[in-house]
Amino acid sequence: DLRGVDLDALTGAVPLGIALGLFFGKQVGVFGLTYAAVKT
């Protein structure tokens, strides 16, 4: 339900934790361990 969605809703701990986890956490975790595994 996007009605009433404002900046506070977008920056809440739950949606922000999920969004940043998917966006930053995934790419850092996948690429980081892949790079380390190949280089070692």
PDB file of all heavy atoms in Angstrom:
ATOM      1  N   ASP A   1       0.853  -1.188   0.000  1.00  0.00           N
ATOM      2  CA  ASP A   1       0.000   0.000   0.000  1.00  0.00           C
ATOM      3  C   ASP A   1       0.890   1.241   0.000  1.00  0.00           C
ATOM      4  O   ASP A   1       1.548   1.548   1.004  1.00  0.00           O
ATOM      5  CB  ASP A   1      -0.896  -0.018   1.241  1.00  0.00           C
ATOM      6  CG  ASP A   1      -1.975   1.070   1.193  1.00  0.00           C
ATOM      7  OD1 ASP A   1      -1.872   1.950   0.323  1.00  0.00           O
ATOM      8  OD2 ASP A   1      -2.900   1.022   2.027  1.00  0.00           O
ATOM      9  N   LEU A   2       0.931   1.948  -1.116  1.00  0.00           N
ATOM     10  CA  LEU A   2       1.816   3.109  -1.259  1.00  0.00           C
ATOM     11  C   LEU A   2       1.164   4.413  -0.803  1.00  0.00           C
ATOM     12  O   LEU A   2       1.832   5.441  -0.754  1.00  0.00           O
ATOM     13  CB  LEU A   2       2.257   3.249  -2.725  1.00  0.00           C
ATOM     14  CG  LEU A   2       3.062   2.076  -3.288  1.00  0.00           C
ATOM     15  CD1 LEU A   2       3.336   2.293  -4.773  1.00  0.00           C
ATOM     16  CD2 LEU A   2       4.372   1.892  -2.527  1.00  0.00           C
ATOM     17  N   ARG A   3      -0.112   4.356  -0.461  1.00  0.00           N
ATOM     18  CA  ARG A   3      -0.786   5.558   0.013  1.00  0.00           C
ATOM     19  C   ARG A   3      -0.258   5.930   1.388  1.00  0.00           C
ATOM     20  O   ARG A   3      -0.211   5.122   2.306  1.00  0.00           O
ATOM     21  CB  ARG A   3      -2.304   5.315   0.060  1.00  0.00           C
ATOM     22  CG  ARG A   3      -2.950   5.167  -1.303  1.00  0.00           C
ATOM     23  CD  ARG A   3      -4.339   4.601  -1.214  1.00  0.00           C
ATOM     24  NE  ARG A   3      -4.338   3.215  -0.733  1.00  0.00           N
ATOM     25  CZ  ARG A   3      -5.418   2.447  -0.674  1.00  0.00           C
ATOM     26  NH1 ARG A   3      -6.586   2.913  -1.076  1.00  0.00           N
ATOM     27  NH2 ARG A   3      -5.341   1.210  -0.229  1.00  0.00           N
ATOM     28  N   GLY A   4       0.160   7.152   1.509  1.00  0.00           N
ATOM     29  CA  GLY A   4       0.687   7.615   2.789  1.00  0.00           C
ATOM     30  C   GLY A   4       2.158   7.325   2.989  1.00  0.00           C
ATOM     31  O   GLY A   4       2.716   7.612   4.054  1.00  0.00           O
ATOM     32  N   VAL A   5       2.826   6.757   1.973  1.00  0.00           N
ATOM     33  CA  VAL A   5       4.262   6.486   2.092  1.00  0.00           C
ATOM     34  C   VAL A   5       5.026   7.807   2.012  1.00  0.00           C
ATOM     35  O   VAL A   5       4.870   8.574   1.070  1.00  0.00           O
ATOM     36  CB  VAL A   5       4.726   5.538   0.969  1.00  0.00           C
ATOM     37  CG1 VAL A   5       6.248   5.422   0.965  1.00  0.00           C
ATOM     38  CG2 VAL A   5       4.097   4.167   1.147  1.00  0.00           C
ATOM     39  N   ASP A   6       5.831   8.076   3.024  1.00  0.00           N
ATOM     40  CA  ASP A   6       6.644   9.296   3.040  1.00  0.00           C
ATOM     41  C   ASP A   6       8.087   8.929   3.341  1.00  0.00           C
ATOM     42  O   ASP A   6       8.452   7.741   3.385  1.00  0.00           O
ATOM     43  CB  ASP A   6       6.099  10.290   4.069  1.00  0.00           C
ATOM     44  CG  ASP A   6       5.946   9.672   5.462  1.00  0.00           C
ATOM     45  OD1 ASP A   6       6.562   8.609   5.703  1.00  0.00           O
ATOM     46  OD2 ASP A   6       5.220  10.236   6.294  1.00  0.00           O
ATOM     47  N   LEU A   7       8.915   9.943   3.565  1.00  0.00           N
ATOM     48  CA  LEU A   7      10.338   9.711   3.799  1.00  0.00           C
ATOM     49  C   LEU A   7      10.566   8.873   5.047  1.00  0.00           C
ATOM     50  O   LEU A   7      11.462   8.013   5.080  1.00  0.00           O
ATOM     51  CB  LEU A   7      11.076  11.051   3.923  1.00  0.00           C
ATOM     52  CG  LEU A   7      12.603  10.969   4.044  1.00  0.00           C
ATOM     53  CD1 LEU A   7      13.192  10.290   2.807  1.00  0.00           C
ATOM     54  CD2 LEU A   7      13.194  12.363   4.219  1.00  0.00           C
ATOM     55  N   ASP A   8       9.741   9.106   6.079  1.00  0.00           N
ATOM     56  CA  ASP A   8       9.906   8.322   7.309  1.00  0.00           C
ATOM     57  C   ASP A   8       9.642   6.844   7.050  1.00  0.00           C
ATOM     58  O   ASP A   8      10.322   5.970   7.612  1.00  0.00           O
ATOM     59  CB  ASP A   8       8.940   8.840   8.389  1.00  0.00           C
ATOM     60  CG  ASP A   8       9.325  10.222   8.899  1.00  0.00           C
ATOM     61  OD1 ASP A   8      10.521  10.564   8.774  1.00  0.00           O
ATOM     62  OD2 ASP A   8       8.448  10.943   9.411  1.00  0.00           O
ATOM     63  N   ALA A   9       8.641   6.565   6.220  1.00  0.00           N
ATOM     64  CA  ALA A   9       8.335   5.165   5.916  1.00  0.00           C
ATOM     65  C   ALA A   9       9.464   4.511   5.128  1.00  0.00           C
ATOM     66  O   ALA A   9       9.809   3.351   5.357  1.00  0.00           O
ATOM     67  CB  ALA A   9       7.030   5.080   5.127  1.00  0.00           C
ATOM     68  N   LEU A  10      10.062   5.271   4.201  1.00  0.00           N
ATOM     69  CA  LEU A  10      11.138   4.732   3.375  1.00  0.00           C
ATOM     70  C   LEU A  10      12.415   4.496   4.164  1.00  0.00           C
ATOM     71  O   LEU A  10      13.214   3.628   3.817  1.00  0.00           O
ATOM     72  CB  LEU A  10      11.424   5.679   2.201  1.00  0.00           C
ATOM     73  CG  LEU A  10      10.311   5.847   1.172  1.00  0.00           C
ATOM     74  CD1 LEU A  10      10.683   6.917   0.161  1.00  0.00           C
ATOM     75  CD2 LEU A  10      10.019   4.528   0.461  1.00  0.00           C
ATOM     76  N   THR A  11      12.620   5.278   5.207  1.00  0.00           N
ATOM     77  CA  THR A  11      13.868   5.180   5.978  1.00  0.00           C
ATOM     78  C   THR A  11      13.669   4.455   7.300  1.00  0.00           C
ATOM     79  O   THR A  11      14.531   4.518   8.171  1.00  0.00           O
ATOM     80  CB  THR A  11      14.435   6.588   6.244  1.00  0.00           C
ATOM     81  OG1 THR A  11      13.441   7.384   6.933  1.00  0.00           O
ATOM     82  CG2 THR A  11      14.831   7.266   4.953  1.00  0.00           C
ATOM     83  N   GLY A  12      12.551   3.759   7.477  1.00  0.00           N
ATOM     84  CA  GLY A  12      12.354   2.960   8.676  1.00  0.00           C
ATOM     85  C   GLY A  12      13.374   1.838   8.743  1.00  0.00           C
ATOM     86  O   GLY A  12      13.937   1.404   7.721  1.00  0.00           O
ATOM     87  N   ALA A  13      13.617   1.334   9.942  1.00  0.00           N
ATOM     88  CA  ALA A  13      14.647   0.317  10.143  1.00  0.00           C
ATOM     89  C   ALA A  13      14.389  -0.945   9.331  1.00  0.00           C
ATOM     90  O   ALA A  13      15.321  -1.546   8.780  1.00  0.00           O
ATOM     91  CB  ALA A  13      14.750  -0.025  11.629  1.00  0.00           C
ATOM     92  N   VAL A  14      13.131  -1.362   9.235  1.00  0.00           N
ATOM     93  CA  VAL A  14      12.819  -2.608   8.500  1.00  0.00           C
ATOM     94  C   VAL A  14      12.984  -2.435   6.993  1.00  0.00           C
ATOM     95  O   VAL A  14      13.765  -3.173   6.368  1.00  0.00           O
ATOM     96  CB  VAL A  14      11.404  -3.117   8.852  1.00  0.00           C
ATOM     97  CG1 VAL A  14      10.996  -4.262   7.934  1.00  0.00           C
ATOM     98  CG2 VAL A  14      11.348  -3.569  10.303  1.00  0.00           C
ATOM     99  N   PRO A  15      12.284  -1.482   6.351  1.00  0.00           N
ATOM    100  CA  PRO A  15      12.453  -1.361   4.895  1.00  0.00           C
ATOM    101  C   PRO A  15      13.877  -0.979   4.485  1.00  0.00           C
ATOM    102  O   PRO A  15      14.393  -1.478   3.482  1.00  0.00           O
ATOM    103  CB  PRO A  15      11.453  -0.269   4.501  1.00  0.00           C
ATOM    104  CG  PRO A  15      11.123   0.455   5.742  1.00  0.00           C
ATOM    105  CD  PRO A  15      11.266  -0.523   6.850  1.00  0.00           C
ATOM    106  N   LEU A  16      14.517  -0.120   5.288  1.00  0.00           N
ATOM    107  CA  LEU A  16      15.882   0.291   4.948  1.00  0.00           C
ATOM    108  C   LEU A  16      16.859  -0.874   5.133  1.00  0.00           C
ATOM    109  O   LEU A  16      17.763  -1.067   4.315  1.00  0.00           O
ATOM    110  CB  LEU A  16      16.307   1.478   5.820  1.00  0.00           C
ATOM    111  CG  LEU A  16      17.538   2.254   5.331  1.00  0.00           C
ATOM    112  CD1 LEU A  16      17.283   2.850   3.953  1.00  0.00           C
ATOM    113  CD2 LEU A  16      17.895   3.361   6.326  1.00  0.00           C
ATOM    114  N   GLY A  17      16.659  -1.650   6.210  1.00  0.00           N
ATOM    115  CA  GLY A  17      17.526  -2.806   6.433  1.00  0.00           C
ATOM    116  C   GLY A  17      17.411  -3.825   5.319  1.00  0.00           C
ATOM    117  O   GLY A  17      18.409  -4.392   4.865  1.00  0.00           O
ATOM    118  N   ILE A  18      16.167  -4.054   4.850  1.00  0.00           N
ATOM    119  CA  ILE A  18      15.957  -5.002   3.753  1.00  0.00           C
ATOM    120  C   ILE A  18      16.547  -4.466   2.451  1.00  0.00           C
ATOM    121  O   ILE A  18      17.269  -5.174   1.735  1.00  0.00           O
ATOM    122  CB  ILE A  18      14.453  -5.294   3.576  1.00  0.00           C
ATOM    123  CG1 ILE A  18      13.900  -6.011   4.813  1.00  0.00           C
ATOM    124  CG2 ILE A  18      14.210  -6.129   2.324  1.00  0.00           C
ATOM    125  CD1 ILE A  18      12.386  -6.140   4.814  1.00  0.00           C
ATOM    126  N   ALA A  19      16.242  -3.196   2.139  1.00  0.00           N
ATOM    127  CA  ALA A  19      16.700  -2.607   0.874  1.00  0.00           C
ATOM    128  C   ALA A  19      18.222  -2.543   0.802  1.00  0.00           C
ATOM    129  O   ALA A  19      18.820  -2.946  -0.210  1.00  0.00           O
ATOM    130  CB  ALA A  19      16.093  -1.215   0.704  1.00  0.00           C
ATOM    131  N   LEU A  20      18.857  -2.056   1.861  1.00  0.00           N
ATOM    132  CA  LEU A  20      20.324  -1.961   1.854  1.00  0.00           C
ATOM    133  C   LEU A  20      20.961  -3.341   1.918  1.00  0.00           C
ATOM    134  O   LEU A  20      22.035  -3.561   1.344  1.00  0.00           O
ATOM    135  CB  LEU A  20      20.798  -1.103   3.030  1.00  0.00           C
ATOM    136  CG  LEU A  20      20.397   0.379   2.978  1.00  0.00           C
ATOM    137  CD1 LEU A  20      20.965   1.131   4.176  1.00  0.00           C
ATOM    138  CD2 LEU A  20      20.886   1.028   1.682  1.00  0.00           C
ATOM    139  N   GLY A  21      20.302  -4.271   2.616  1.00  0.00           N
ATOM    140  CA  GLY A  21      20.816  -5.634   2.659  1.00  0.00           C
ATOM    141  C   GLY A  21      20.834  -6.259   1.276  1.00  0.00           C
ATOM    142  O   GLY A  21      21.825  -6.866   0.859  1.00  0.00           O
ATOM    143  N   LEU A  22      19.726  -6.114   0.538  1.00  0.00           N
ATOM    144  CA  LEU A  22      19.658  -6.663  -0.812  1.00  0.00           C
ATOM    145  C   LEU A  22      20.619  -5.947  -1.759  1.00  0.00           C
ATOM    146  O   LEU A  22      21.300  -6.585  -2.570  1.00  0.00           O
ATOM    147  CB  LEU A  22      18.223  -6.547  -1.346  1.00  0.00           C
ATOM    148  CG  LEU A  22      17.184  -7.505  -0.754  1.00  0.00           C
ATOM    149  CD1 LEU A  22      15.782  -7.120  -1.209  1.00  0.00           C
ATOM    150  CD2 LEU A  22      17.481  -8.948  -1.139  1.00  0.00           C
ATOM    151  N   PHE A  23      20.675  -4.622  -1.651  1.00  0.00           N
ATOM    152  CA  PHE A  23      21.462  -3.854  -2.621  1.00  0.00           C
ATOM    153  C   PHE A  23      22.966  -3.895  -2.326  1.00  0.00           C
ATOM    154  O   PHE A  23      23.768  -4.229  -3.201  1.00  0.00           O
ATOM    155  CB  PHE A  23      20.985  -2.405  -2.653  1.00  0.00           C
ATOM    156  CG  PHE A  23      21.657  -1.579  -3.720  1.00  0.00           C
ATOM    157  CD1 PHE A  23      21.361  -1.787  -5.055  1.00  0.00           C
ATOM    158  CD2 PHE A  23      22.590  -0.605  -3.387  1.00  0.00           C
ATOM    159  CE1 PHE A  23      21.988  -1.039  -6.055  1.00  0.00           C
ATOM    160  CE2 PHE A  23      23.214   0.150  -4.368  1.00  0.00           C
ATOM    161  CZ  PHE A  23      22.917  -0.063  -5.708  1.00  0.00           C
ATOM    162  N   PHE A  24      23.352  -3.577  -1.100  1.00  0.00           N
ATOM    163  CA  PHE A  24      24.781  -3.561  -0.763  1.00  0.00           C
ATOM    164  C   PHE A  24      25.272  -4.903  -0.226  1.00  0.00           C
ATOM    165  O   PHE A  24      26.342  -5.390  -0.615  1.00  0.00           O
ATOM    166  CB  PHE A  24      25.081  -2.465   0.270  1.00  0.00           C
ATOM    167  CG  PHE A  24      24.997  -1.074  -0.285  1.00  0.00           C
ATOM    168  CD1 PHE A  24      24.003  -0.215   0.117  1.00  0.00           C
ATOM    169  CD2 PHE A  24      25.916  -0.623  -1.224  1.00  0.00           C
ATOM    170  CE1 PHE A  24      23.910   1.073  -0.390  1.00  0.00           C
ATOM    171  CE2 PHE A  24      25.839   0.653  -1.747  1.00  0.00           C
ATOM    172  CZ  PHE A  24      24.833   1.509  -1.326  1.00  0.00           C
ATOM    173  N   GLY A  25      24.499  -5.489   0.681  1.00  0.00           N
ATOM    174  CA  GLY A  25      24.945  -6.722   1.314  1.00  0.00           C
ATOM    175  C   GLY A  25      25.165  -7.849   0.332  1.00  0.00           C
ATOM    176  O   GLY A  25      26.148  -8.589   0.423  1.00  0.00           O
ATOM    177  N   LYS A  26      24.250  -7.997  -0.616  1.00  0.00           N
ATOM    178  CA  LYS A  26      24.377  -9.070  -1.597  1.00  0.00           C
ATOM    179  C   LYS A  26      25.610  -8.897  -2.478  1.00  0.00           C
ATOM    180  O   LYS A  26      26.400  -9.822  -2.657  1.00  0.00           O
ATOM    181  CB  LYS A  26      23.119  -9.121  -2.477  1.00  0.00           C
ATOM    182  CG  LYS A  26      21.968  -9.897  -1.884  1.00  0.00           C
ATOM    183  CD  LYS A  26      22.257 -11.391  -1.870  1.00  0.00           C
ATOM    184  CE  LYS A  26      21.055 -12.205  -1.440  1.00  0.00           C
ATOM    185  NZ  LYS A  26      21.349 -13.642  -1.397  1.00  0.00           N
ATOM    186  N   GLN A  27      25.770  -7.700  -3.056  1.00  0.00           N
ATOM    187  CA  GLN A  27      26.878  -7.533  -3.986  1.00  0.00           C
ATOM    188  C   GLN A  27      28.222  -7.596  -3.281  1.00  0.00           C
ATOM    189  O   GLN A  27      29.189  -8.175  -3.798  1.00  0.00           O
ATOM    190  CB  GLN A  27      26.741  -6.241  -4.792  1.00  0.00           C
ATOM    191  CG  GLN A  27      26.618  -4.978  -3.986  1.00  0.00           C
ATOM    192  CD  GLN A  27      26.532  -3.744  -4.877  1.00  0.00           C
ATOM    193  OE1 GLN A  27      27.532  -3.269  -5.397  1.00  0.00           O
ATOM    194  NE2 GLN A  27      25.330  -3.236  -5.070  1.00  0.00           N
ATOM    195  N   VAL A  28      28.304  -7.043  -2.063  1.00  0.00           N
ATOM    196  CA  VAL A  28      29.563  -7.105  -1.311  1.00  0.00           C
ATOM    197  C   VAL A  28      29.864  -8.542  -0.902  1.00  0.00           C
ATOM    198  O   VAL A  28      30.997  -9.023  -1.036  1.00  0.00           O
ATOM    199  CB  VAL A  28      29.501  -6.192  -0.070  1.00  0.00           C
ATOM    200  CG1 VAL A  28      30.708  -6.428   0.831  1.00  0.00           C
ATOM    201  CG2 VAL A  28      29.435  -4.729  -0.495  1.00  0.00           C
ATOM    202  N   GLY A  29      28.850  -9.258  -0.396  1.00  0.00           N
ATOM    203  CA  GLY A  29      29.066 -10.624   0.051  1.00  0.00           C
ATOM    204  C   GLY A  29      29.412 -11.565  -1.082  1.00  0.00           C
ATOM    205  O   GLY A  29      30.373 -12.347  -0.991  1.00  0.00           O
ATOM    206  N   VAL A  30      28.642 -11.520  -2.177  1.00  0.00           N
ATOM    207  CA  VAL A  30      28.874 -12.427  -3.307  1.00  0.00           C
ATOM    208  C   VAL A  30      30.197 -12.104  -3.998  1.00  0.00           C
ATOM    209  O   VAL A  30      31.034 -12.994  -4.214  1.00  0.00           O
ATOM    210  CB  VAL A  30      27.705 -12.342  -4.321  1.00  0.00           C
ATOM    211  CG1 VAL A  30      28.046 -13.108  -5.608  1.00  0.00           C
ATOM    212  CG2 VAL A  30      26.432 -12.905  -3.702  1.00  0.00           C
ATOM    213  N   PHE A  31      30.394 -10.838  -4.353  1.00  0.00           N
ATOM    214  CA  PHE A  31      31.620 -10.476  -5.071  1.00  0.00           C
ATOM    215  C   PHE A  31      32.846 -10.615  -4.176  1.00  0.00           C
ATOM    216  O   PHE A  31      33.897 -11.086  -4.617  1.00  0.00           O
ATOM    217  CB  PHE A  31      31.530  -9.046  -5.605  1.00  0.00           C
ATOM    218  CG  PHE A  31      32.690  -8.662  -6.488  1.00  0.00           C
ATOM    219  CD1 PHE A  31      32.709  -9.054  -7.817  1.00  0.00           C
ATOM    220  CD2 PHE A  31      33.754  -7.926  -5.992  1.00  0.00           C
ATOM    221  CE1 PHE A  31      33.771  -8.706  -8.643  1.00  0.00           C
ATOM    222  CE2 PHE A  31      34.822  -7.583  -6.807  1.00  0.00           C
ATOM    223  CZ  PHE A  31      34.834  -7.969  -8.137  1.00  0.00           C
ATOM    224  N   GLY A  32      32.708 -10.225  -2.902  1.00  0.00           N
ATOM    225  CA  GLY A  32      33.844 -10.277  -1.980  1.00  0.00           C
ATOM    226  C   GLY A  32      34.367 -11.689  -1.790  1.00  0.00           C
ATOM    227  O   GLY A  32      35.580 -11.940  -1.903  1.00  0.00           O
ATOM    228  N   LEU A  33      33.487 -12.645  -1.506  1.00  0.00           N
ATOM    229  CA  LEU A  33      33.943 -14.015  -1.290  1.00  0.00           C
ATOM    230  C   LEU A  33      34.388 -14.673  -2.598  1.00  0.00           C
ATOM    231  O   LEU A  33      35.302 -15.502  -2.597  1.00  0.00           O
ATOM    232  CB  LEU A  33      32.842 -14.843  -0.636  1.00  0.00           C
ATOM    233  CG  LEU A  33      32.755 -14.758   0.890  1.00  0.00           C
ATOM    234  CD1 LEU A  33      31.857 -15.854   1.443  1.00  0.00           C
ATOM    235  CD2 LEU A  33      34.123 -14.879   1.547  1.00  0.00           C
ATOM    236  N   THR A  34      33.749 -14.297  -3.724  1.00  0.00           N
ATOM    237  CA  THR A  34      34.192 -14.820  -5.017  1.00  0.00           C
ATOM    238  C   THR A  34      35.612 -14.362  -5.318  1.00  0.00           C
ATOM    239  O   THR A  34      36.475 -15.156  -5.719  1.00  0.00           O
ATOM    240  CB  THR A  34      33.252 -14.354  -6.145  1.00  0.00           C
ATOM    241  OG1 THR A  34      31.937 -14.831  -5.887  1.00  0.00           O
ATOM    242  CG2 THR A  34      33.715 -14.869  -7.492  1.00  0.00           C
ATOM    243  N   TYR A  35      35.869 -13.082  -5.112  1.00  0.00           N
ATOM    244  CA  TYR A  35      37.206 -12.523  -5.370  1.00  0.00           C
ATOM    245  C   TYR A  35      38.251 -13.178  -4.472  1.00  0.00           C
ATOM    246  O   TYR A  35      39.327 -13.577  -4.933  1.00  0.00           O
ATOM    247  CB  TYR A  35      37.179 -11.009  -5.131  1.00  0.00           C
ATOM    248  CG  TYR A  35      38.471 -10.303  -5.485  1.00  0.00           C
ATOM    249  CD1 TYR A  35      38.728  -9.921  -6.799  1.00  0.00           C
ATOM    250  CD2 TYR A  35      39.424 -10.030  -4.513  1.00  0.00           C
ATOM    251  CE1 TYR A  35      39.920  -9.284  -7.135  1.00  0.00           C
ATOM    252  CE2 TYR A  35      40.611  -9.388  -4.832  1.00  0.00           C
ATOM    253  CZ  TYR A  35      40.856  -9.018  -6.149  1.00  0.00           C
ATOM    254  OH  TYR A  35      42.035  -8.395  -6.476  1.00  0.00           O
ATOM    255  N   ALA A  36      37.911 -13.321  -3.181  1.00  0.00           N
ATOM    256  CA  ALA A  36      38.842 -13.935  -2.233  1.00  0.00           C
ATOM    257  C   ALA A  36      39.120 -15.391  -2.592  1.00  0.00           C
ATOM    258  O   ALA A  36      40.269 -15.851  -2.530  1.00  0.00           O
ATOM    259  CB  ALA A  36      38.274 -13.840  -0.813  1.00  0.00           C
ATOM    260  N   ALA A  37      38.080 -16.133  -3.004  1.00  0.00           N
ATOM    261  CA  ALA A  37      38.254 -17.542  -3.345  1.00  0.00           C
ATOM    262  C   ALA A  37      39.145 -17.722  -4.570  1.00  0.00           C
ATOM    263  O   ALA A  37      40.005 -18.611  -4.610  1.00  0.00           O
ATOM    264  CB  ALA A  37      36.885 -18.181  -3.592  1.00  0.00           C
ATOM    265  N   VAL A  38      38.967 -16.873  -5.586  1.00  0.00           N
ATOM    266  CA  VAL A  38      39.763 -16.981  -6.806  1.00  0.00           C
ATOM    267  C   VAL A  38      41.207 -16.551  -6.550  1.00  0.00           C
ATOM    268  O   VAL A  38      42.155 -17.209  -6.997  1.00  0.00           O
ATOM    269  CB  VAL A  38      39.133 -16.137  -7.933  1.00  0.00           C
ATOM    270  CG1 VAL A  38      40.060 -16.092  -9.154  1.00  0.00           C
ATOM    271  CG2 VAL A  38      37.780 -16.710  -8.329  1.00  0.00           C
ATOM    272  N   LYS A  39      41.401 -15.451  -5.833  1.00  0.00           N
ATOM    273  CA  LYS A  39      42.744 -14.938  -5.596  1.00  0.00           C
ATOM    274  C   LYS A  39      43.571 -15.842  -4.682  1.00  0.00           C
ATOM    275  O   LYS A  39      44.800 -15.873  -4.769  1.00  0.00           O
ATOM    276  CB  LYS A  39      42.667 -13.523  -4.999  1.00  0.00           C
ATOM    277  CG  LYS A  39      42.142 -12.472  -5.981  1.00  0.00           C
ATOM    278  CD  LYS A  39      42.996 -12.425  -7.241  1.00  0.00           C
ATOM    279  CE  LYS A  39      42.476 -11.392  -8.241  1.00  0.00           C
ATOM    280  NZ  LYS A  39      43.295 -11.365  -9.475  1.00  0.00           N
ATOM    281  N   THR A  40      42.913 -16.599  -3.809  1.00  0.00           N
ATOM    282  CA  THR A  40      43.639 -17.518  -2.926  1.00  0.00           C
ATOM    283  C   THR A  40      43.806 -18.895  -3.550  1.00  0.00           C
ATOM    284  O   THR A  40      44.427 -19.779  -2.956  1.00  0.00           O
ATOM    285  CB  THR A  40      42.905 -17.674  -1.576  1.00  0.00           C
ATOM    286  OG1 THR A  40      41.559 -18.094  -1.810  1.00  0.00           O
ATOM    287  CG2 THR A  40      42.907 -16.365  -0.813  1.00  0.00           C
TER     288      THR A  40
END
